[in-house]
Amino acid sequence: MGNDGGSIPKRRELVKEAARNPTVSELKATAFESLNHAWTHDPISSEPIDLETVVSDWRGRLYNYESILKGLMPGSSDDHSETKQGTTPPALVDTSTSNSSVGNGESTATPTTIFATELSFTSTGIKSLRDVVKLKFKRYMPPGGGNKKEKEIFACPVTLKELGPSTKSVYLVPCGHVFAEMAIQMITDEMCPECSESFKSEDVITILPTDKADIQRLSKRMEDLKAKGLTHSLKKDKSASKEKKKNKRTADEAHGDAEKEKESKKAKKSAGDSISSRVSGINNAATAALTARVLADQDEAMKRRKLAAAGLL
């Protein structure tokens, strides 16, 4: 029955397995489970992803189009207050290296990529529909599938491989057609095999990248696009132009204020010089000071009358 005094486990027997590092197989299984979840669930709403209307950002993350529309609606996001309070938004992806003991006790570094299962809309960095590209998946009926729509799969139109976590997939910008990575590597012309629209090699976006090289490549691509004033979809970044106009307007206002202050100082100086010349003939210092004050008040009153007549007061 146990606990009857005949067998009492010692502490070392209870904790001897607690410090065991996960094996390579366990790490790979965890990473694949995370990748599969990112392929099938929207990280914003946690709802199943509809590949018919799915969109992707520059990082290769997948979102339901409806979630993006809801997030872009004014006042629909609840995470703005969290951002203002200094709450750090969750990371979109965690690419780390874990040490695992194998065989003779040596440790091997195994890269693992864990995608965030829940994201706030603000943390995605999406500010407009120009920051996402609508993906175009192609349905394929495998042999023996019959006429039932349930048997259809989303497959690469070139290799006919099923697209998902088991196949490294990419899409082209700006057309949005999705292929297996090996299909794009096989073609020699930089033209989409589906729509014949031209593309550049840097505009081949890996879907849910797990390699650090792919993540760094996509980050560098986005930095280059921002420097050119473009968005992920290769359209002009309106927010950048608005910010530029705002900065220019602020600079113009600052310049105008400086000019006004300069003119005011100049006017005061000229007025002071005029009063000084008008009282220069008075030898008594007290009388000269009183006369200068009276003349200054008269000049100020005359200035106000002119402004009132012009309708500026």
Protein backbone atom coordinates (compact mmCIF):
# COMPACT_ATOMS: atom_id res chain seq x y z
CA MET A 1 0.00 0.00 0.00
CA GLY A 2 2.92 2.32 0.67
CA ASN A 3 3.48 4.87 3.42
CA ASP A 4 3.26 2.11 6.01
CA GLY A 5 6.78 2.54 7.34
CA GLY A 6 8.24 -0.24 5.27
CA SER A 7 9.50 1.97 2.44
CA ILE A 8 10.30 5.64 2.93
CA PRO A 9 11.78 7.37 -0.15
CA LYS A 10 14.80 9.52 0.45
CA ARG A 11 15.23 13.06 -0.92
CA ARG A 12 17.89 12.09 -3.46
CA GLU A 13 15.53 9.50 -4.89
CA LEU A 14 12.76 12.08 -5.29
CA VAL A 15 14.85 14.77 -7.02
CA LYS A 16 17.38 12.76 -8.99
CA GLU A 17 15.44 13.29 -12.24
CA ALA A 18 14.55 16.95 -11.63
CA ALA A 19 17.77 18.43 -13.03
CA ARG A 20 17.75 16.41 -16.27
CA ASN A 21 18.10 18.53 -19.39
CA PRO A 22 15.64 17.90 -22.21
CA THR A 23 16.92 15.70 -24.98
CA VAL A 24 17.36 16.80 -28.58
CA SER A 25 14.25 14.87 -29.55
CA GLU A 26 12.20 16.60 -26.87
CA LEU A 27 13.46 20.04 -27.96
CA LYS A 28 12.63 19.32 -31.59
CA ALA A 29 9.18 18.07 -30.62
CA THR A 30 8.52 21.26 -28.62
CA ALA A 31 9.70 23.46 -31.50
CA PHE A 32 7.55 21.55 -34.01
CA GLU A 33 4.51 21.81 -31.75
CA SER A 34 5.04 25.59 -31.51
CA LEU A 35 5.46 25.86 -35.29
CA ASN A 36 2.33 23.79 -35.91
CA HIS A 37 0.33 26.04 -33.56
CA ALA A 38 1.60 29.15 -35.38
CA TRP A 39 0.49 27.63 -38.70
CA THR A 40 -3.00 26.83 -37.47
CA HIS A 41 -3.90 29.60 -34.99
CA ASP A 42 -4.06 33.37 -35.16
CA PRO A 43 -1.69 34.76 -32.47
CA ILE A 44 -3.93 37.82 -31.91
CA SER A 45 -7.37 36.21 -31.56
CA SER A 46 -6.23 32.58 -30.89
CA GLU A 47 -8.83 31.49 -33.45
CA PRO A 48 -8.06 28.94 -36.18
CA ILE A 49 -6.35 30.44 -39.21
CA ASP A 50 -8.32 30.52 -42.44
CA LEU A 51 -5.78 30.01 -45.24
CA GLU A 52 -8.29 31.42 -47.73
CA THR A 53 -8.05 34.90 -46.20
CA VAL A 54 -4.73 34.75 -44.35
CA VAL A 55 -2.26 37.65 -44.40
CA SER A 56 1.38 37.92 -43.34
CA ASP A 57 3.68 40.65 -42.07
CA TRP A 58 7.36 41.18 -42.82
CA ARG A 59 8.37 38.64 -40.16
CA GLY A 60 6.45 35.86 -41.92
CA ARG A 61 3.84 35.59 -39.17
CA LEU A 62 0.34 34.50 -40.19
CA TYR A 63 -2.82 36.37 -39.19
CA ASN A 64 -6.48 36.23 -40.07
CA TYR A 65 -7.43 39.20 -42.21
CA GLU A 66 -10.36 39.90 -39.88
CA SER A 67 -8.01 40.21 -36.88
CA ILE A 68 -5.95 42.85 -38.68
CA LEU A 69 -9.07 44.83 -39.62
CA LYS A 70 -10.32 44.75 -36.02
CA GLY A 71 -6.94 45.86 -34.73
CA LEU A 72 -6.78 48.79 -37.15
CA MET A 73 -10.23 50.08 -36.19
CA PRO A 74 -10.04 53.18 -33.92
CA GLY A 75 -10.62 52.33 -30.28
CA SER A 76 -10.87 48.60 -30.90
CA SER A 77 -7.52 47.67 -29.35
CA ASP A 78 -7.30 47.39 -25.58
CA ASP A 79 -3.53 47.18 -25.41
CA HIS A 80 -2.74 50.86 -25.99
CA SER A 81 -3.09 51.59 -22.28
CA GLU A 82 -0.73 48.73 -21.46
CA THR A 83 1.90 50.15 -23.78
CA LYS A 84 1.59 53.60 -22.22
CA GLN A 85 2.06 52.12 -18.77
CA GLY A 86 5.37 50.63 -19.86
CA THR A 87 4.26 47.00 -20.18
CA THR A 88 6.65 45.18 -22.49
CA PRO A 89 4.72 43.42 -25.28
CA PRO A 90 5.43 39.70 -25.74
CA ALA A 91 8.11 38.72 -28.21
CA LEU A 92 6.89 37.45 -31.56
CA VAL A 93 9.42 34.67 -31.64
CA ASP A 94 12.03 33.32 -29.23
CA THR A 95 15.07 31.86 -30.94
CA SER A 96 17.35 30.45 -28.30
CA THR A 97 20.00 27.78 -27.96
CA SER A 98 19.48 24.99 -25.45
CA ASN A 99 22.17 22.65 -24.14
CA SER A 100 21.29 18.96 -24.09
CA SER A 101 23.29 16.08 -22.70
CA VAL A 102 23.84 13.23 -25.14
CA GLY A 103 25.68 9.95 -25.06
CA ASN A 104 28.92 10.34 -23.13
CA GLY A 105 27.71 13.30 -21.12
CA GLU A 106 28.82 15.99 -23.57
CA SER A 107 26.38 18.79 -24.27
CA THR A 108 25.30 19.89 -27.72
CA ALA A 109 23.79 23.26 -28.59
CA THR A 110 20.40 22.79 -30.22
CA PRO A 111 18.64 25.87 -31.62
CA THR A 112 14.95 26.01 -30.74
CA THR A 113 12.40 28.46 -32.05
CA ILE A 114 9.31 29.04 -29.95
CA PHE A 115 6.61 31.28 -31.41
CA ALA A 116 4.47 33.40 -29.11
CA THR A 117 1.03 31.84 -28.84
CA GLU A 118 -0.69 35.11 -27.88
CA LEU A 119 0.15 38.59 -29.09
CA SER A 120 -1.30 42.04 -28.57
CA PHE A 121 -2.02 43.89 -31.79
CA THR A 122 0.36 46.72 -30.85
CA SER A 123 3.28 44.32 -30.49
CA THR A 124 2.92 43.24 -34.14
CA GLY A 125 3.93 46.71 -35.36
CA ILE A 126 1.18 46.68 -38.01
CA LYS A 127 -0.09 50.25 -38.59
CA SER A 128 -1.98 49.85 -41.87
CA LEU A 129 -2.98 47.26 -44.46
CA ARG A 130 0.18 48.21 -46.36
CA ASP A 131 2.16 46.42 -43.64
CA VAL A 132 0.70 43.02 -44.57
CA VAL A 133 0.42 40.95 -47.76
CA LYS A 134 -2.59 38.74 -48.55
CA LEU A 135 -1.33 35.22 -49.20
CA LYS A 136 -2.63 33.09 -52.05
CA PHE A 137 -2.62 29.38 -51.24
CA LYS A 138 -3.56 26.87 -53.93
CA ARG A 139 -5.84 23.93 -53.22
CA TYR A 140 -4.85 20.53 -54.54
CA MET A 141 -6.72 17.25 -54.72
CA PRO A 142 -4.29 14.40 -54.04
CA PRO A 143 -4.74 11.13 -55.94
CA GLY A 144 -7.54 9.02 -54.48
CA GLY A 145 -9.16 11.99 -52.79
CA GLY A 146 -12.37 11.72 -54.78
CA ASN A 147 -14.60 14.77 -55.16
CA LYS A 148 -14.96 15.56 -51.48
CA LYS A 149 -13.75 19.05 -50.63
CA GLU A 150 -12.67 17.84 -47.20
CA LYS A 151 -9.88 15.84 -48.85
CA GLU A 152 -8.35 18.88 -50.55
CA ILE A 153 -5.06 20.18 -49.23
CA PHE A 154 -3.13 23.43 -49.65
CA ALA A 155 -0.11 22.52 -51.71
CA CYS A 156 2.76 24.11 -53.60
CA PRO A 157 1.64 24.57 -57.22
CA VAL A 158 5.10 23.51 -58.46
CA THR A 159 6.18 20.61 -56.25
CA LEU A 160 2.64 19.64 -55.08
CA LYS A 161 4.00 19.29 -51.55
CA GLU A 162 1.49 20.03 -48.81
CA LEU A 163 2.21 23.42 -47.25
CA GLY A 164 2.43 23.51 -43.50
CA PRO A 165 4.83 23.04 -40.60
CA SER A 166 6.46 20.03 -42.26
CA THR A 167 7.43 21.99 -45.39
CA LYS A 168 9.54 25.12 -45.39
CA SER A 169 7.34 27.57 -47.27
CA VAL A 170 7.82 31.02 -48.74
CA TYR A 171 5.70 33.66 -50.43
CA LEU A 172 6.50 36.34 -52.96
CA VAL A 173 6.01 40.07 -52.55
CA PRO A 174 4.00 41.77 -53.90
CA CYS A 175 1.81 39.07 -55.52
CA GLY A 176 1.51 36.89 -52.38
CA HIS A 177 1.61 33.44 -54.02
CA VAL A 178 2.88 30.71 -51.70
CA PHE A 179 5.36 27.98 -52.68
CA ALA A 180 7.66 25.44 -51.12
CA GLU A 181 11.11 26.98 -50.72
CA MET A 182 12.73 24.39 -52.99
CA ALA A 183 10.39 25.39 -55.83
CA ILE A 184 11.64 28.99 -55.77
CA GLN A 185 15.24 27.75 -55.56
CA MET A 186 14.73 25.70 -58.72
CA ILE A 187 13.43 28.53 -60.93
CA THR A 188 16.00 30.63 -62.79
CA ASP A 189 13.87 33.63 -63.76
CA GLU A 190 12.71 36.01 -61.05
CA MET A 191 9.08 35.72 -62.12
CA CYS A 192 6.22 34.20 -60.16
CA PRO A 193 5.36 30.75 -61.60
CA GLU A 194 1.68 31.45 -61.01
CA CYS A 195 1.07 35.02 -62.21
CA SER A 196 4.39 35.83 -63.98
CA GLU A 197 4.82 38.97 -61.88
CA SER A 198 8.47 39.87 -61.37
CA PHE A 199 10.05 39.84 -57.93
CA LYS A 200 13.44 40.34 -56.33
CA SER A 201 15.31 37.68 -54.40
CA GLU A 202 15.11 39.72 -51.18
CA ASP A 203 11.31 39.80 -51.51
CA VAL A 204 11.01 36.04 -51.00
CA ILE A 205 9.55 35.89 -47.47
CA THR A 206 9.95 32.76 -45.37
CA ILE A 207 6.72 31.80 -43.61
CA LEU A 208 7.31 31.44 -39.85
CA PRO A 209 11.12 31.34 -40.12
CA THR A 210 13.00 29.23 -37.58
CA ASP A 211 16.58 29.83 -38.77
CA LYS A 212 18.43 32.84 -37.39
CA ALA A 213 19.80 33.58 -40.88
CA ASP A 214 16.26 33.92 -42.27
CA ILE A 215 15.15 36.11 -39.36
CA GLN A 216 18.17 38.40 -39.76
CA ARG A 217 17.62 38.59 -43.53
CA LEU A 218 14.00 39.66 -43.09
CA SER A 219 14.99 42.26 -40.47
CA LYS A 220 17.61 43.75 -42.79
CA ARG A 221 15.11 43.80 -45.67
CA MET A 222 12.63 45.78 -43.56
CA GLU A 223 15.32 48.25 -42.49
CA ASP A 224 16.21 48.85 -46.15
CA LEU A 225 12.54 49.34 -47.08
CA LYS A 226 12.02 51.87 -44.26
CA ALA A 227 15.05 53.79 -45.47
CA LYS A 228 13.40 53.98 -48.91
CA GLY A 229 10.02 55.02 -47.43
CA LEU A 230 8.35 51.72 -48.38
CA THR A 231 6.25 49.21 -46.44
CA HIS A 232 6.39 45.41 -46.40
CA SER A 233 4.03 45.26 -49.39
CA LEU A 234 6.42 47.56 -51.35
CA LYS A 235 3.87 50.37 -51.23
CA LYS A 236 4.71 53.89 -50.11
CA ASP A 237 4.75 54.34 -46.36
CA LYS A 238 2.18 57.06 -45.70
CA SER A 239 2.97 57.18 -41.99
CA ALA A 240 6.59 58.07 -42.80
CA SER A 241 5.51 60.91 -45.10
CA LYS A 242 3.08 62.18 -42.45
CA GLU A 243 5.85 62.12 -39.86
CA LYS A 244 8.13 63.95 -42.27
CA LYS A 245 5.50 66.63 -42.89
CA LYS A 246 4.89 66.96 -39.16
CA ASN A 247 8.59 67.39 -38.46
CA LYS A 248 8.83 69.99 -41.26
CA ARG A 249 5.82 71.87 -39.89
CA THR A 250 7.34 71.84 -36.40
CA ALA A 251 10.63 73.14 -37.79
CA ASP A 252 8.83 75.88 -39.73
CA GLU A 253 6.90 76.90 -36.63
CA ALA A 254 10.10 77.02 -34.59
CA HIS A 255 11.76 79.09 -37.33
CA GLY A 256 8.73 81.42 -37.44
CA ASP A 257 8.78 81.86 -33.67
CA ALA A 258 12.48 82.68 -33.83
CA GLU A 259 11.86 85.24 -36.57
CA LYS A 260 9.01 86.82 -34.59
CA GLU A 261 11.18 87.04 -31.49
CA LYS A 262 13.96 88.58 -33.55
CA GLU A 263 11.59 91.16 -35.03
CA SER A 264 10.18 91.94 -31.58
CA LYS A 265 13.65 92.53 -30.17
CA LYS A 266 14.51 94.68 -33.15
CA ALA A 267 11.32 96.76 -32.72
CA LYS A 268 11.97 97.20 -29.00
CA LYS A 269 15.52 98.26 -29.69
CA SER A 270 14.48 100.77 -32.33
CA ALA A 271 11.76 102.12 -30.01
CA GLY A 272 14.28 102.44 -27.22
CA ASP A 273 16.71 104.24 -29.50
CA SER A 274 13.93 106.61 -30.62
CA ILE A 275 12.95 107.46 -27.03
CA SER A 276 16.60 107.95 -26.07
CA SER A 277 17.09 110.39 -28.94
CA ARG A 278 13.93 112.29 -27.91
CA VAL A 279 15.02 112.77 -24.29
CA SER A 280 18.70 113.30 -25.01
CA GLY A 281 18.31 117.10 -24.62
CA ILE A 282 17.05 116.88 -20.99
CA ASN A 283 19.89 117.39 -18.54
CA ASN A 284 18.00 116.36 -15.37
CA ALA A 285 18.25 112.56 -15.02
CA ALA A 286 14.97 112.14 -13.09
CA THR A 287 13.05 114.27 -15.57
CA ALA A 288 14.58 112.37 -18.48
CA ALA A 289 13.59 109.01 -16.96
CA LEU A 290 10.01 110.18 -16.34
CA THR A 291 9.75 111.61 -19.84
CA ALA A 292 11.08 108.36 -21.35
CA ARG A 293 8.47 106.34 -19.42
CA VAL A 294 5.64 108.62 -20.58
CA LEU A 295 6.82 108.40 -24.21
CA ALA A 296 7.04 104.59 -23.99
CA ASP A 297 3.45 104.41 -22.67
CA GLN A 298 2.28 106.68 -25.50
CA ASP A 299 4.03 104.52 -28.11
CA GLU A 300 2.47 101.36 -26.64
CA ALA A 301 -1.00 102.94 -26.62
CA MET A 302 -0.58 104.08 -30.22
CA LYS A 303 0.52 100.57 -31.23
CA ARG A 304 -2.56 99.05 -29.59
CA ARG A 305 -4.85 101.49 -31.36
CA LYS A 306 -3.33 100.55 -34.73
CA LEU A 307 -3.82 96.85 -34.01
CA ALA A 308 -7.40 97.44 -32.89
CA ALA A 309 -8.11 99.40 -36.06
CA ALA A 310 -6.72 96.56 -38.14
CA GLY A 311 -8.96 94.08 -36.29
CA LEU A 312 -6.06 92.14 -34.77
CA LEU A 313 -7.19 92.67 -31.18
